[in-house]
Protein backbone atom coordinates (compact mmCIF):
# COMPACT_ATOMS: atom_id res chain seq x y z
CA MET A 1 125.09 137.88 108.19
CA ASP A 2 128.70 136.87 108.67
CA ASN A 3 128.42 133.24 107.64
CA PRO A 4 126.49 132.62 104.40
CA LEU A 5 126.66 128.86 104.97
CA LEU A 6 124.75 129.07 108.25
CA VAL A 7 121.33 129.60 106.63
CA HIS A 8 121.71 126.60 104.35
CA ARG A 9 123.03 124.37 107.12
CA MET A 10 120.13 125.36 109.36
CA ARG A 11 117.62 124.60 106.57
CA ALA A 12 119.20 121.18 106.19
CA LEU A 13 119.00 120.63 109.95
CA VAL A 14 115.32 121.60 109.97
CA ALA A 15 114.69 119.14 107.12
CA VAL A 16 116.27 116.35 109.17
CA LEU A 17 114.25 117.26 112.25
CA VAL A 18 111.00 117.26 110.25
CA CYS A 19 111.84 113.88 108.72
CA GLY A 20 112.85 112.44 112.08
CA SER A 21 109.62 113.60 113.68
CA ALA A 22 107.52 112.14 110.85
CA LEU A 23 109.35 108.81 111.00
CA PHE A 24 108.92 108.67 114.76
CA GLN A 25 105.18 109.25 114.39
CA ILE A 26 104.92 106.63 111.64
CA HIS A 27 106.78 104.13 113.81
CA ALA A 28 104.55 104.93 116.80
CA VAL A 29 101.42 104.31 114.72
CA ASP A 30 102.86 101.09 113.22
CA THR A 31 103.82 99.60 116.58
CA SER A 32 100.53 100.54 118.23
CA GLY A 33 98.73 97.70 116.44
CA ARG A 34 95.66 99.86 116.00
CA VAL A 35 96.01 101.00 112.39
CA VAL A 36 92.68 101.59 110.66
CA VAL A 37 93.60 100.05 107.28
CA SER A 38 96.08 97.34 106.43
CA ARG A 39 99.21 97.87 104.38
CA THR A 40 98.35 96.84 100.86
CA GLY A 41 99.19 98.25 97.45
CA TRP A 42 99.12 102.03 97.50
CA VAL A 43 99.52 102.22 101.25
CA LEU A 44 102.72 100.17 101.20
CA ALA A 45 104.06 102.25 98.30
CA LEU A 46 103.29 105.43 100.24
CA VAL A 47 105.10 104.18 103.34
CA VAL A 48 108.13 103.06 101.31
CA ALA A 49 108.28 106.38 99.44
CA THR A 50 108.05 108.31 102.71
CA TYR A 51 110.84 106.31 104.36
CA THR A 52 113.01 106.60 101.23
CA ALA A 53 112.50 110.36 101.01
CA ALA A 54 113.39 110.71 104.69
CA GLY A 55 116.60 108.76 104.18
CA LEU A 56 117.53 110.82 101.15
CA ALA A 57 116.74 114.05 102.99
CA THR A 58 119.02 113.00 105.83
CA ALA A 59 121.82 112.05 103.44
CA THR A 60 121.61 115.29 101.47
CA ALA A 61 121.40 117.32 104.67
CA ALA A 62 124.54 115.63 105.95
CA TYR A 63 126.23 116.39 102.64
CA THR A 64 125.14 120.03 103.02
CA LEU A 65 127.01 120.29 106.31
CA PHE A 66 130.30 119.39 104.60
CA GLN A 67 130.01 121.98 101.83
CA ARG A 68 132.39 124.94 101.94
CA ARG A 69 130.97 126.99 99.06
CA PRO A 70 127.66 128.76 99.71
CA GLU A 71 126.24 128.02 96.25
CA ARG A 72 126.82 124.27 96.69
CA ALA A 73 125.38 124.36 100.20
CA LYS A 74 122.32 126.16 98.85
CA LEU A 75 121.82 123.50 96.17
CA TRP A 76 122.04 120.61 98.62
CA SER A 77 119.88 122.29 101.27
CA ASN A 78 117.24 122.88 98.58
CA ILE A 79 117.36 119.18 97.70
CA ALA A 80 117.09 118.21 101.39
CA THR A 81 114.13 120.57 101.76
CA ALA A 82 112.44 119.04 98.70
CA PHE A 83 112.80 115.55 100.16
CA ALA A 84 111.43 116.83 103.48
CA ILE A 85 108.40 118.18 101.62
CA VAL A 86 107.89 114.73 100.08
CA VAL A 87 108.00 113.26 103.60
CA ILE A 88 105.43 115.79 104.82
CA LEU A 89 103.15 115.02 101.86
CA GLY A 90 103.55 111.27 102.37
CA PHE A 91 102.87 111.55 106.08
CA SER A 92 99.82 113.75 105.50
CA SER A 93 98.51 111.43 102.78
CA GLY A 94 98.84 108.52 105.17
CA TRP A 95 96.47 110.20 107.58
CA PHE A 96 93.97 110.80 104.79
CA LEU A 97 94.22 107.15 103.71
CA GLY A 98 93.29 106.00 107.18
CA LEU A 99 96.71 105.17 108.60
CA ALA A 100 95.81 106.93 111.79
CA VAL A 101 95.43 105.21 115.11
CA ASP A 102 91.86 104.13 115.77
CA ASP A 103 91.00 105.59 119.18
CA THR A 104 87.73 103.69 119.43
CA LEU A 105 89.42 100.35 120.09
């Protein structure tokens, strides 16, 4: 591969796309008005942690794009990927906690 930075920049871009997709789905469920459980305690903490991780993943991915040294780009793309994994886990946990749209309404 000619450009060693390309792999790390693409990983950062994928992390941002995953986070953006999860946040869009969370927003769609929130605005539907048909959430199965209300936001209290653990549920609110889960939503806040997911949104925070998505913001941090986006920030670290943007920082990855400005790196010129491959080892620094690798570090920051790994961090962006880790935050994206937290977003995926938070989003998946939300479905298990009943934050899905109730289709029976």
